[in-house]
Amino acid sequence: MYKYTHVVLLVATLIAVADSSPREGQKLSEYLWEETAEYQQQALNSNYIHGMREGCLDPSQFGGYMIDDSVYCKEGMKSLKVAASRSSDNKTLEKFLRSEANSWKGYWEWL
């Protein structure tokens, strides 16, 4: 099992889309969806998805994913709080980021 697979995939996605740009009139979401098709397929073919789909996911492997998700949520919450503290000159953005941090805190506590 790879730790922090989601971080590796995010970085790979950012690298993949860094050298190109959306077509004229193309929505950003459509562009990102198209540019990340390879990574989407890799995710769908992962042992995790296969195990969930077939009902054969090793419980200890699932537990590892839960730990990874918990760390991801905690670190995301911390990053959002830092971003909010650095955006004090834009109260709307600061309020949004603090709200998001609280949501992520809720996910983290739930996990």
PDB file of N, CA and C in Angstrom:
ATOM      1  N   MET A   1       0.848  -1.187   0.000  1.00  0.00           N
ATOM      2  CA  MET A   1       0.000   0.000   0.000  1.00  0.00           C
ATOM      3  C   MET A   1       0.886   1.240   0.000  1.00  0.00           C
ATOM      4  N   TYR A   2       0.541   2.195  -0.824  1.00  0.00           N
ATOM      5  CA  TYR A   2       1.281   3.438  -0.883  1.00  0.00           C
ATOM      6  C   TYR A   2       0.632   4.459   0.034  1.00  0.00           C
ATOM      7  N   LYS A   3       1.437   5.069   0.873  1.00  0.00           N
ATOM      8  CA  LYS A   3       0.919   6.125   1.732  1.00  0.00           C
ATOM      9  C   LYS A   3       0.778   7.392   0.919  1.00  0.00           C
ATOM     10  N   TYR A   4      -0.251   8.128   1.217  1.00  0.00           N
ATOM     11  CA  TYR A   4      -0.484   9.441   0.607  1.00  0.00           C
ATOM     12  C   TYR A   4      -0.596   9.366  -0.913  1.00  0.00           C
ATOM     13  N   THR A   5      -1.244   8.322  -1.407  1.00  0.00           N
ATOM     14  CA  THR A   5      -1.440   8.160  -2.839  1.00  0.00           C
ATOM     15  C   THR A   5      -2.164   9.359  -3.423  1.00  0.00           C
ATOM     16  N   HIS A   6      -3.138   9.910  -2.676  1.00  0.00           N
ATOM     17  CA  HIS A   6      -3.910  11.046  -3.173  1.00  0.00           C
ATOM     18  C   HIS A   6      -3.012  12.260  -3.414  1.00  0.00           C
ATOM     19  N   VAL A   7      -1.989  12.431  -2.600  1.00  0.00           N
ATOM     20  CA  VAL A   7      -1.071  13.555  -2.791  1.00  0.00           C
ATOM     21  C   VAL A   7      -0.242  13.344  -4.059  1.00  0.00           C
ATOM     22  N   VAL A   8       0.225  12.117  -4.260  1.00  0.00           N
ATOM     23  CA  VAL A   8       1.008  11.808  -5.453  1.00  0.00           C
ATOM     24  C   VAL A   8       0.153  12.030  -6.699  1.00  0.00           C
ATOM     25  N   LEU A   9      -1.092  11.577  -6.661  1.00  0.00           N
ATOM     26  CA  LEU A   9      -1.976  11.765  -7.810  1.00  0.00           C
ATOM     27  C   LEU A   9      -2.267  13.235  -8.061  1.00  0.00           C
ATOM     28  N   LEU A  10      -2.436  14.005  -7.007  1.00  0.00           N
ATOM     29  CA  LEU A  10      -2.671  15.443  -7.168  1.00  0.00           C
ATOM     30  C   LEU A  10      -1.478  16.112  -7.827  1.00  0.00           C
ATOM     31  N   VAL A  11      -0.293  15.807  -7.356  1.00  0.00           N
ATOM     32  CA  VAL A  11       0.917  16.401  -7.940  1.00  0.00           C
ATOM     33  C   VAL A  11       1.053  15.973  -9.401  1.00  0.00           C
ATOM     34  N   ALA A  12       0.815  14.703  -9.685  1.00  0.00           N
ATOM     35  CA  ALA A  12       0.899  14.219 -11.064  1.00  0.00           C
ATOM     36  C   ALA A  12      -0.124  14.934 -11.944  1.00  0.00           C
ATOM     37  N   THR A  13      -1.311  15.149 -11.421  1.00  0.00           N
ATOM     38  CA  THR A  13      -2.347  15.865 -12.167  1.00  0.00           C
ATOM     39  C   THR A  13      -1.920  17.289 -12.453  1.00  0.00           C
ATOM     40  N   LEU A  14      -1.388  17.959 -11.464  1.00  0.00           N
ATOM     41  CA  LEU A  14      -0.946  19.339 -11.650  1.00  0.00           C
ATOM     42  C   LEU A  14       0.176  19.421 -12.686  1.00  0.00           C
ATOM     43  N   ILE A  15       1.077  18.455 -12.660  1.00  0.00           N
ATOM     44  CA  ILE A  15       2.155  18.420 -13.651  1.00  0.00           C
ATOM     45  C   ILE A  15       1.571  18.171 -15.042  1.00  0.00           C
ATOM     46  N   ALA A  16       0.605  17.277 -15.113  1.00  0.00           N
ATOM     47  CA  ALA A  16       0.008  16.932 -16.408  1.00  0.00           C
ATOM     48  C   ALA A  16      -0.690  18.120 -17.058  1.00  0.00           C
ATOM     49  N   VAL A  17      -1.358  18.940 -16.273  1.00  0.00           N
ATOM     50  CA  VAL A  17      -2.114  20.052 -16.853  1.00  0.00           C
ATOM     51  C   VAL A  17      -1.298  21.339 -16.934  1.00  0.00           C
ATOM     52  N   ALA A  18      -0.112  21.343 -16.372  1.00  0.00           N
ATOM     53  CA  ALA A  18       0.693  22.569 -16.353  1.00  0.00           C
ATOM     54  C   ALA A  18       1.161  22.994 -17.737  1.00  0.00           C
ATOM     55  N   ASP A  19       1.340  22.058 -18.645  1.00  0.00           N
ATOM     56  CA  ASP A  19       1.864  22.369 -19.974  1.00  0.00           C
ATOM     57  C   ASP A  19       0.787  22.603 -21.021  1.00  0.00           C
ATOM     58  N   SER A  20      -0.463  22.655 -20.626  1.00  0.00           N
ATOM     59  CA  SER A  20      -1.530  22.865 -21.586  1.00  0.00           C
ATOM     60  C   SER A  20      -2.550  23.828 -20.995  1.00  0.00           C
ATOM     61  N   SER A  21      -3.546  24.172 -21.768  1.00  0.00           N
ATOM     62  CA  SER A  21      -4.575  25.085 -21.287  1.00  0.00           C
ATOM     63  C   SER A  21      -5.900  24.730 -21.953  1.00  0.00           C
ATOM     64  N   PRO A  22      -7.007  25.163 -21.357  1.00  0.00           N
ATOM     65  CA  PRO A  22      -8.325  24.845 -21.919  1.00  0.00           C
ATOM     66  C   PRO A  22      -8.503  25.438 -23.321  1.00  0.00           C
ATOM     67  N   ARG A  23      -9.313  24.750 -24.123  1.00  0.00           N
ATOM     68  CA  ARG A  23      -9.670  25.270 -25.439  1.00  0.00           C
ATOM     69  C   ARG A  23     -10.563  26.499 -25.255  1.00  0.00           C
ATOM     70  N   GLU A  24     -10.637  27.305 -26.250  1.00  0.00           N
ATOM     71  CA  GLU A  24     -11.495  28.495 -26.229  1.00  0.00           C
ATOM     72  C   GLU A  24     -12.929  28.084 -25.892  1.00  0.00           C
ATOM     73  N   GLY A  25     -13.483  28.676 -24.848  1.00  0.00           N
ATOM     74  CA  GLY A  25     -14.864  28.406 -24.449  1.00  0.00           C
ATOM     75  C   GLY A  25     -15.061  27.147 -23.624  1.00  0.00           C
ATOM     76  N   GLN A  26     -14.017  26.403 -23.388  1.00  0.00           N
ATOM     77  CA  GLN A  26     -14.134  25.164 -22.616  1.00  0.00           C
ATOM     78  C   GLN A  26     -14.173  25.484 -21.130  1.00  0.00           C
ATOM     79  N   LYS A  27     -15.085  24.842 -20.408  1.00  0.00           N
ATOM     80  CA  LYS A  27     -15.161  25.019 -18.957  1.00  0.00           C
ATOM     81  C   LYS A  27     -13.930  24.398 -18.311  1.00  0.00           C
ATOM     82  N   LEU A  28     -13.471  25.030 -17.233  1.00  0.00           N
ATOM     83  CA  LEU A  28     -12.304  24.512 -16.524  1.00  0.00           C
ATOM     84  C   LEU A  28     -12.552  23.087 -16.043  1.00  0.00           C
ATOM     85  N   SER A  29     -13.741  22.813 -15.524  1.00  0.00           N
ATOM     86  CA  SER A  29     -14.041  21.466 -15.032  1.00  0.00           C
ATOM     87  C   SER A  29     -13.958  20.429 -16.148  1.00  0.00           C
ATOM     88  N   GLU A  30     -14.443  20.771 -17.340  1.00  0.00           N
ATOM     89  CA  GLU A  30     -14.354  19.850 -18.479  1.00  0.00           C
ATOM     90  C   GLU A  30     -12.896  19.614 -18.869  1.00  0.00           C
ATOM     91  N   TYR A  31     -12.144  20.678 -18.897  1.00  0.00           N
ATOM     92  CA  TYR A  31     -10.730  20.595 -19.244  1.00  0.00           C
ATOM     93  C   TYR A  31      -9.989  19.678 -18.265  1.00  0.00           C
ATOM     94  N   LEU A  32     -10.183  19.913 -16.981  1.00  0.00           N
ATOM     95  CA  LEU A  32      -9.498  19.103 -15.971  1.00  0.00           C
ATOM     96  C   LEU A  32      -9.938  17.649 -16.045  1.00  0.00           C
ATOM     97  N   TRP A  33     -11.217  17.421 -16.314  1.00  0.00           N
ATOM     98  CA  TRP A  33     -11.727  16.048 -16.442  1.00  0.00           C
ATOM     99  C   TRP A  33     -11.027  15.327 -17.589  1.00  0.00           C
ATOM    100  N   GLU A  34     -10.929  16.000 -18.731  1.00  0.00           N
ATOM    101  CA  GLU A  34     -10.278  15.396 -19.894  1.00  0.00           C
ATOM    102  C   GLU A  34      -8.789  15.158 -19.658  1.00  0.00           C
ATOM    103  N   GLU A  35      -8.128  16.132 -19.059  1.00  0.00           N
ATOM    104  CA  GLU A  35      -6.681  16.047 -18.861  1.00  0.00           C
ATOM    105  C   GLU A  35      -6.274  15.003 -17.823  1.00  0.00           C
ATOM    106  N   THR A  36      -7.197  14.596 -16.989  1.00  0.00           N
ATOM    107  CA  THR A  36      -6.865  13.651 -15.921  1.00  0.00           C
ATOM    108  C   THR A  36      -7.464  12.268 -16.152  1.00  0.00           C
ATOM    109  N   ALA A  37      -7.921  11.995 -17.364  1.00  0.00           N
ATOM    110  CA  ALA A  37      -8.571  10.714 -17.668  1.00  0.00           C
ATOM    111  C   ALA A  37      -7.680   9.522 -17.308  1.00  0.00           C
ATOM    112  N   GLU A  38      -6.392   9.628 -17.589  1.00  0.00           N
ATOM    113  CA  GLU A  38      -5.461   8.531 -17.285  1.00  0.00           C
ATOM    114  C   GLU A  38      -5.434   8.247 -15.775  1.00  0.00           C
ATOM    115  N   TYR A  39      -5.409   9.289 -14.970  1.00  0.00           N
ATOM    116  CA  TYR A  39      -5.346   9.121 -13.517  1.00  0.00           C
ATOM    117  C   TYR A  39      -6.671   8.614 -12.966  1.00  0.00           C
ATOM    118  N   GLN A  40      -7.757   9.034 -13.591  1.00  0.00           N
ATOM    119  CA  GLN A  40      -9.065   8.521 -13.187  1.00  0.00           C
ATOM    120  C   GLN A  40      -9.122   7.014 -13.399  1.00  0.00           C
ATOM    121  N   GLN A  41      -8.625   6.571 -14.553  1.00  0.00           N
ATOM    122  CA  GLN A  41      -8.633   5.142 -14.854  1.00  0.00           C
ATOM    123  C   GLN A  41      -7.742   4.373 -13.883  1.00  0.00           C
ATOM    124  N   GLN A  42      -6.589   4.942 -13.544  1.00  0.00           N
ATOM    125  CA  GLN A  42      -5.705   4.292 -12.569  1.00  0.00           C
ATOM    126  C   GLN A  42      -6.414   4.140 -11.231  1.00  0.00           C
ATOM    127  N   ALA A  43      -7.143   5.171 -10.826  1.00  0.00           N
ATOM    128  CA  ALA A  43      -7.873   5.107  -9.562  1.00  0.00           C
ATOM    129  C   ALA A  43      -8.953   4.026  -9.624  1.00  0.00           C
ATOM    130  N   LEU A  44      -9.689   3.977 -10.722  1.00  0.00           N
ATOM    131  CA  LEU A  44     -10.737   2.959 -10.868  1.00  0.00           C
ATOM    132  C   LEU A  44     -10.172   1.545 -10.879  1.00  0.00           C
ATOM    133  N   ASN A  45      -8.946   1.391 -11.363  1.00  0.00           N
ATOM    134  CA  ASN A  45      -8.314   0.072 -11.423  1.00  0.00           C
ATOM    135  C   ASN A  45      -7.516  -0.259 -10.160  1.00  0.00           C
ATOM    136  N   SER A  46      -7.553   0.591  -9.171  1.00  0.00           N
ATOM    137  CA  SER A  46      -6.766   0.364  -7.953  1.00  0.00           C
ATOM    138  C   SER A  46      -7.315  -0.809  -7.144  1.00  0.00           C
ATOM    139  N   ASN A  47      -6.450  -1.362  -6.310  1.00  0.00           N
ATOM    140  CA  ASN A  47      -6.861  -2.463  -5.432  1.00  0.00           C
ATOM    141  C   ASN A  47      -7.982  -2.040  -4.495  1.00  0.00           C
ATOM    142  N   TYR A  48      -7.958  -0.807  -4.075  1.00  0.00           N
ATOM    143  CA  TYR A  48      -8.988  -0.304  -3.160  1.00  0.00           C
ATOM    144  C   TYR A  48     -10.366  -0.367  -3.812  1.00  0.00           C
ATOM    145  N   ILE A  49     -10.494   0.199  -5.000  1.00  0.00           N
ATOM    146  CA  ILE A  49     -11.791   0.199  -5.684  1.00  0.00           C
ATOM    147  C   ILE A  49     -12.208  -1.232  -6.028  1.00  0.00           C
ATOM    148  N   HIS A  50     -11.267  -2.039  -6.510  1.00  0.00           N
ATOM    149  CA  HIS A  50     -11.566  -3.441  -6.817  1.00  0.00           C
ATOM    150  C   HIS A  50     -12.081  -4.155  -5.565  1.00  0.00           C
ATOM    151  N   GLY A  51     -11.383  -3.971  -4.451  1.00  0.00           N
ATOM    152  CA  GLY A  51     -11.790  -4.619  -3.210  1.00  0.00           C
ATOM    153  C   GLY A  51     -13.151  -4.164  -2.720  1.00  0.00           C
ATOM    154  N   MET A  52     -13.440  -2.873  -2.871  1.00  0.00           N
ATOM    155  CA  MET A  52     -14.755  -2.354  -2.464  1.00  0.00           C
ATOM    156  C   MET A  52     -15.842  -2.932  -3.382  1.00  0.00           C
ATOM    157  N   ARG A  53     -15.574  -2.935  -4.676  1.00  0.00           N
ATOM    158  CA  ARG A  53     -16.556  -3.398  -5.659  1.00  0.00           C
ATOM    159  C   ARG A  53     -16.853  -4.892  -5.478  1.00  0.00           C
ATOM    160  N   GLU A  54     -15.809  -5.689  -5.251  1.00  0.00           N
ATOM    161  CA  GLU A  54     -15.960  -7.140  -5.171  1.00  0.00           C
ATOM    162  C   GLU A  54     -16.199  -7.646  -3.751  1.00  0.00           C
ATOM    163  N   GLY A  55     -16.137  -6.749  -2.777  1.00  0.00           N
ATOM    164  CA  GLY A  55     -16.360  -7.149  -1.387  1.00  0.00           C
ATOM    165  C   GLY A  55     -15.213  -7.952  -0.804  1.00  0.00           C
ATOM    166  N   CYS A  56     -13.997  -7.714  -1.307  1.00  0.00           N
ATOM    167  CA  CYS A  56     -12.855  -8.500  -0.832  1.00  0.00           C
ATOM    168  C   CYS A  56     -11.719  -7.617  -0.317  1.00  0.00           C
ATOM    169  N   LEU A  57     -12.023  -6.403   0.053  1.00  0.00           N
ATOM    170  CA  LEU A  57     -10.995  -5.489   0.547  1.00  0.00           C
ATOM    171  C   LEU A  57     -10.520  -5.938   1.922  1.00  0.00           C
ATOM    172  N   ASP A  58      -9.226  -6.107   2.054  1.00  0.00           N
ATOM    173  CA  ASP A  58      -8.621  -6.497   3.324  1.00  0.00           C
ATOM    174  C   ASP A  58      -8.921  -5.425   4.373  1.00  0.00           C
ATOM    175  N   PRO A  59      -9.501  -5.805   5.525  1.00  0.00           N
ATOM    176  CA  PRO A  59      -9.837  -4.811   6.546  1.00  0.00           C
ATOM    177  C   PRO A  59      -8.642  -3.972   7.012  1.00  0.00           C
ATOM    178  N   SER A  60      -7.461  -4.568   7.069  1.00  0.00           N
ATOM    179  CA  SER A  60      -6.301  -3.784   7.495  1.00  0.00           C
ATOM    180  C   SER A  60      -5.911  -2.775   6.412  1.00  0.00           C
ATOM    181  N   GLN A  61      -6.120  -3.129   5.146  1.00  0.00           N
ATOM    182  CA  GLN A  61      -5.865  -2.180   4.067  1.00  0.00           C
ATOM    183  C   GLN A  61      -6.861  -1.025   4.141  1.00  0.00           C
ATOM    184  N   PHE A  62      -8.124  -1.349   4.410  1.00  0.00           N
ATOM    185  CA  PHE A  62      -9.142  -0.306   4.564  1.00  0.00           C
ATOM    186  C   PHE A  62      -8.778   0.608   5.729  1.00  0.00           C
ATOM    187  N   GLY A  63      -8.322   0.018   6.827  1.00  0.00           N
ATOM    188  CA  GLY A  63      -7.894   0.813   7.980  1.00  0.00           C
ATOM    189  C   GLY A  63      -6.763   1.758   7.622  1.00  0.00           C
ATOM    190  N   GLY A  64      -5.848   1.297   6.781  1.00  0.00           N
ATOM    191  CA  GLY A  64      -4.755   2.162   6.321  1.00  0.00           C
ATOM    192  C   GLY A  64      -5.274   3.348   5.534  1.00  0.00           C
ATOM    193  N   TYR A  65      -6.269   3.099   4.682  1.00  0.00           N
ATOM    194  CA  TYR A  65      -6.870   4.202   3.929  1.00  0.00           C
ATOM    195  C   TYR A  65      -7.561   5.190   4.864  1.00  0.00           C
ATOM    196  N   MET A  66      -8.211   4.664   5.887  1.00  0.00           N
ATOM    197  CA  MET A  66      -8.890   5.550   6.848  1.00  0.00           C
ATOM    198  C   MET A  66      -7.878   6.434   7.578  1.00  0.00           C
ATOM    199  N   ILE A  67      -6.744   5.865   7.926  1.00  0.00           N
ATOM    200  CA  ILE A  67      -5.690   6.655   8.579  1.00  0.00           C
ATOM    201  C   ILE A  67      -5.169   7.723   7.620  1.00  0.00           C
ATOM    202  N   ASP A  68      -4.912   7.330   6.366  1.00  0.00           N
ATOM    203  CA  ASP A  68      -4.466   8.308   5.367  1.00  0.00           C
ATOM    204  C   ASP A  68      -5.478   9.439   5.210  1.00  0.00           C
ATOM    205  N   ASP A  69      -6.756   9.082   5.137  1.00  0.00           N
ATOM    206  CA  ASP A  69      -7.799  10.099   4.992  1.00  0.00           C
ATOM    207  C   ASP A  69      -7.846  11.026   6.196  1.00  0.00           C
ATOM    208  N   SER A  70      -7.670  10.448   7.379  1.00  0.00           N
ATOM    209  CA  SER A  70      -7.681  11.254   8.593  1.00  0.00           C
ATOM    210  C   SER A  70      -6.541  12.268   8.585  1.00  0.00           C
ATOM    211  N   VAL A  71      -5.357  11.809   8.223  1.00  0.00           N
ATOM    212  CA  VAL A  71      -4.198  12.709   8.149  1.00  0.00           C
ATOM    213  C   VAL A  71      -4.439  13.778   7.090  1.00  0.00           C
ATOM    214  N   TYR A  72      -4.974  13.362   5.929  1.00  0.00           N
ATOM    215  CA  TYR A  72      -5.262  14.302   4.845  1.00  0.00           C
ATOM    216  C   TYR A  72      -6.225  15.398   5.318  1.00  0.00           C
ATOM    217  N   CYS A  73      -7.281  15.004   6.025  1.00  0.00           N
ATOM    218  CA  CYS A  73      -8.260  15.982   6.524  1.00  0.00           C
ATOM    219  C   CYS A  73      -7.636  16.904   7.566  1.00  0.00           C
ATOM    220  N   LYS A  74      -6.839  16.341   8.462  1.00  0.00           N
ATOM    221  CA  LYS A  74      -6.212  17.176   9.493  1.00  0.00           C
ATOM    222  C   LYS A  74      -5.252  18.178   8.855  1.00  0.00           C
ATOM    223  N   GLU A  75      -4.418  17.713   7.937  1.00  0.00           N
ATOM    224  CA  GLU A  75      -3.461  18.619   7.298  1.00  0.00           C
ATOM    225  C   GLU A  75      -4.179  19.646   6.419  1.00  0.00           C
ATOM    226  N   GLY A  76      -5.258  19.228   5.757  1.00  0.00           N
ATOM    227  CA  GLY A  76      -6.048  20.164   4.964  1.00  0.00           C
ATOM    228  C   GLY A  76      -6.647  21.249   5.841  1.00  0.00           C
ATOM    229  N   MET A  77      -7.161  20.861   6.999  1.00  0.00           N
ATOM    230  CA  MET A  77      -7.723  21.824   7.948  1.00  0.00           C
ATOM    231  C   MET A  77      -6.656  22.831   8.370  1.00  0.00           C
ATOM    232  N   LYS A  78      -5.478  22.338   8.692  1.00  0.00           N
ATOM    233  CA  LYS A  78      -4.395  23.230   9.110  1.00  0.00           C
ATOM    234  C   LYS A  78      -4.006  24.188   7.983  1.00  0.00           C
ATOM    235  N   SER A  79      -3.923  23.680   6.773  1.00  0.00           N
ATOM    236  CA  SER A  79      -3.568  24.534   5.629  1.00  0.00           C
ATOM    237  C   SER A  79      -4.618  25.604   5.391  1.00  0.00           C
ATOM    238  N   LEU A  80      -5.875  25.244   5.500  1.00  0.00           N
ATOM    239  CA  LEU A  80      -6.951  26.224   5.322  1.00  0.00           C
ATOM    240  C   LEU A  80      -6.907  27.304   6.403  1.00  0.00           C
ATOM    241  N   LYS A  81      -6.590  26.915   7.624  1.00  0.00           N
ATOM    242  CA  LYS A  81      -6.472  27.903   8.710  1.00  0.00           C
ATOM    243  C   LYS A  81      -5.323  28.870   8.443  1.00  0.00           C
ATOM    244  N   VAL A  82      -4.199  28.347   7.964  1.00  0.00           N
ATOM    245  CA  VAL A  82      -3.061  29.206   7.633  1.00  0.00           C
ATOM    246  C   VAL A  82      -3.442  30.163   6.511  1.00  0.00           C
ATOM    247  N   ALA A  83      -4.087  29.623   5.478  1.00  0.00           N
ATOM    248  CA  ALA A  83      -4.505  30.467   4.360  1.00  0.00           C
ATOM    249  C   ALA A  83      -5.472  31.551   4.836  1.00  0.00           C
ATOM    250  N   ALA A  84      -6.373  31.201   5.730  1.00  0.00           N
ATOM    251  CA  ALA A  84      -7.326  32.192   6.258  1.00  0.00           C
ATOM    252  C   ALA A  84      -6.599  33.283   7.030  1.00  0.00           C
ATOM    253  N   SER A  85      -5.621  32.888   7.819  1.00  0.00           N
ATOM    254  CA  SER A  85      -4.889  33.885   8.606  1.00  0.00           C
ATOM    255  C   SER A  85      -4.078  34.823   7.718  1.00  0.00           C
ATOM    256  N   ARG A  86      -3.699  34.343   6.537  1.00  0.00           N
ATOM    257  CA  ARG A  86      -2.918  35.162   5.614  1.00  0.00           C
ATOM    258  C   ARG A  86      -3.786  35.991   4.668  1.00  0.00           C
ATOM    259  N   SER A  87      -5.092  35.811   4.749  1.00  0.00           N
ATOM    260  CA  SER A  87      -5.982  36.550   3.850  1.00  0.00           C
ATOM    261  C   SER A  87      -6.818  37.573   4.608  1.00  0.00           C
ATOM    262  N   SER A  88      -6.292  38.069   5.715  1.00  0.00           N
ATOM    263  CA  SER A  88      -7.058  38.988   6.550  1.00  0.00           C
ATOM    264  C   SER A  88      -7.400  40.298   5.844  1.00  0.00           C
ATOM    265  N   ASP A  89      -6.719  40.609   4.749  1.00  0.00           N
ATOM    266  CA  ASP A  89      -7.045  41.819   4.002  1.00  0.00           C
ATOM    267  C   ASP A  89      -8.259  41.615   3.093  1.00  0.00           C
ATOM    268  N   ASN A  90      -8.718  40.375   2.960  1.00  0.00           N
ATOM    269  CA  ASN A  90      -9.909  40.058   2.173  1.00  0.00           C
ATOM    270  C   ASN A  90     -10.857  39.282   3.089  1.00  0.00           C
ATOM    271  N   LYS A  91     -11.759  39.992   3.730  1.00  0.00           N
ATOM    272  CA  LYS A  91     -12.624  39.379   4.755  1.00  0.00           C
ATOM    273  C   LYS A  91     -13.523  38.279   4.183  1.00  0.00           C
ATOM    274  N   THR A  92     -13.979  38.437   2.939  1.00  0.00           N
ATOM    275  CA  THR A  92     -14.830  37.414   2.334  1.00  0.00           C
ATOM    276  C   THR A  92     -14.062  36.117   2.164  1.00  0.00           C
ATOM    277  N   LEU A  93     -12.855  36.207   1.644  1.00  0.00           N
ATOM    278  CA  LEU A  93     -12.008  35.025   1.471  1.00  0.00           C
ATOM    279  C   LEU A  93     -11.651  34.415   2.818  1.00  0.00           C
ATOM    280  N   GLU A  94     -11.302  35.259   3.764  1.00  0.00           N
ATOM    281  CA  GLU A  94     -10.951  34.765   5.098  1.00  0.00           C
ATOM    282  C   GLU A  94     -12.123  34.000   5.720  1.00  0.00           C
ATOM    283  N   LYS A  95     -13.323  34.546   5.605  1.00  0.00           N
ATOM    284  CA  LYS A  95     -14.511  33.885   6.157  1.00  0.00           C
ATOM    285  C   LYS A  95     -14.751  32.538   5.475  1.00  0.00           C
ATOM    286  N   PHE A  96     -14.607  32.511   4.151  1.00  0.00           N
ATOM    287  CA  PHE A  96     -14.783  31.272   3.398  1.00  0.00           C
ATOM    288  C   PHE A  96     -13.770  30.219   3.836  1.00  0.00           C
ATOM    289  N   LEU A  97     -12.496  30.606   3.927  1.00  0.00           N
ATOM    290  CA  LEU A  97     -11.450  29.652   4.297  1.00  0.00           C
ATOM    291  C   LEU A  97     -11.637  29.131   5.712  1.00  0.00           C
ATOM    292  N   ARG A  98     -12.056  29.990   6.623  1.00  0.00           N
ATOM    293  CA  ARG A  98     -12.317  29.529   8.002  1.00  0.00           C
ATOM    294  C   ARG A  98     -13.491  28.552   8.034  1.00  0.00           C
ATOM    295  N   SER A  99     -14.509  28.836   7.234  1.00  0.00           N
ATOM    296  CA  SER A  99     -15.652  27.930   7.146  1.00  0.00           C
ATOM    297  C   SER A  99     -15.221  26.567   6.606  1.00  0.00           C
ATOM    298  N   GLU A 100     -14.402  26.595   5.561  1.00  0.00           N
ATOM    299  CA  GLU A 100     -13.891  25.340   4.995  1.00  0.00           C
ATOM    300  C   GLU A 100     -13.031  24.588   6.006  1.00  0.00           C
ATOM    301  N   ALA A 101     -12.208  25.308   6.746  1.00  0.00           N
ATOM    302  CA  ALA A 101     -11.368  24.670   7.768  1.00  0.00           C
ATOM    303  C   ALA A 101     -12.235  23.980   8.808  1.00  0.00           C
ATOM    304  N   ASN A 102     -13.328  24.614   9.189  1.00  0.00           N
ATOM    305  CA  ASN A 102     -14.234  24.001  10.168  1.00  0.00           C
ATOM    306  C   ASN A 102     -14.893  22.746   9.603  1.00  0.00           C
ATOM    307  N   SER A 103     -15.231  22.779   8.310  1.00  0.00           N
ATOM    308  CA  SER A 103     -15.801  21.585   7.680  1.00  0.00           C
ATOM    309  C   SER A 103     -14.794  20.441   7.705  1.00  0.00           C
ATOM    310  N   TRP A 104     -13.557  20.754   7.328  1.00  0.00           N
ATOM    311  CA  TRP A 104     -12.521  19.727   7.316  1.00  0.00           C
ATOM    312  C   TRP A 104     -12.253  19.207   8.728  1.00  0.00           C
ATOM    313  N   LYS A 105     -12.358  20.100   9.713  1.00  0.00           N
ATOM    314  CA  LYS A 105     -12.194  19.667  11.106  1.00  0.00           C
ATOM    315  C   LYS A 105     -13.282  18.658  11.464  1.00  0.00           C
ATOM    316  N   GLY A 106     -14.497  18.930  11.008  1.00  0.00           N
ATOM    317  CA  GLY A 106     -15.599  17.996  11.254  1.00  0.00           C
ATOM    318  C   GLY A 106     -15.352  16.639  10.636  1.00  0.00           C
ATOM    319  N   TYR A 107     -14.840  16.622   9.398  1.00  0.00           N
ATOM    320  CA  TYR A 107     -14.510  15.345   8.749  1.00  0.00           C
ATOM    321  C   TYR A 107     -13.432  14.612   9.532  1.00  0.00           C
ATOM    322  N   TRP A 108     -12.415  15.371   9.936  1.00  0.00           N
ATOM    323  CA  TRP A 108     -11.297  14.764  10.661  1.00  0.00           C
ATOM    324  C   TRP A 108     -11.785  14.163  11.977  1.00  0.00           C
ATOM    325  N   GLU A 109     -12.595  14.909  12.714  1.00  0.00           N
ATOM    326  CA  GLU A 109     -13.101  14.390  13.994  1.00  0.00           C
ATOM    327  C   GLU A 109     -14.002  13.185  13.802  1.00  0.00           C
ATOM    328  N   TRP A 110     -14.766  13.183  12.710  1.00  0.00           N
ATOM    329  CA  TRP A 110     -15.638  12.055  12.424  1.00  0.00           C
ATOM    330  C   TRP A 110     -14.836  10.793  12.135  1.00  0.00           C
ATOM    331  N   LEU A 111     -13.728  10.971  11.386  1.00  0.00           N
ATOM    332  CA  LEU A 111     -12.898   9.816  11.046  1.00  0.00           C
ATOM    333  C   LEU A 111     -12.210   9.283  12.298  1.00  0.00           C
TER     334      LEU A 111
END
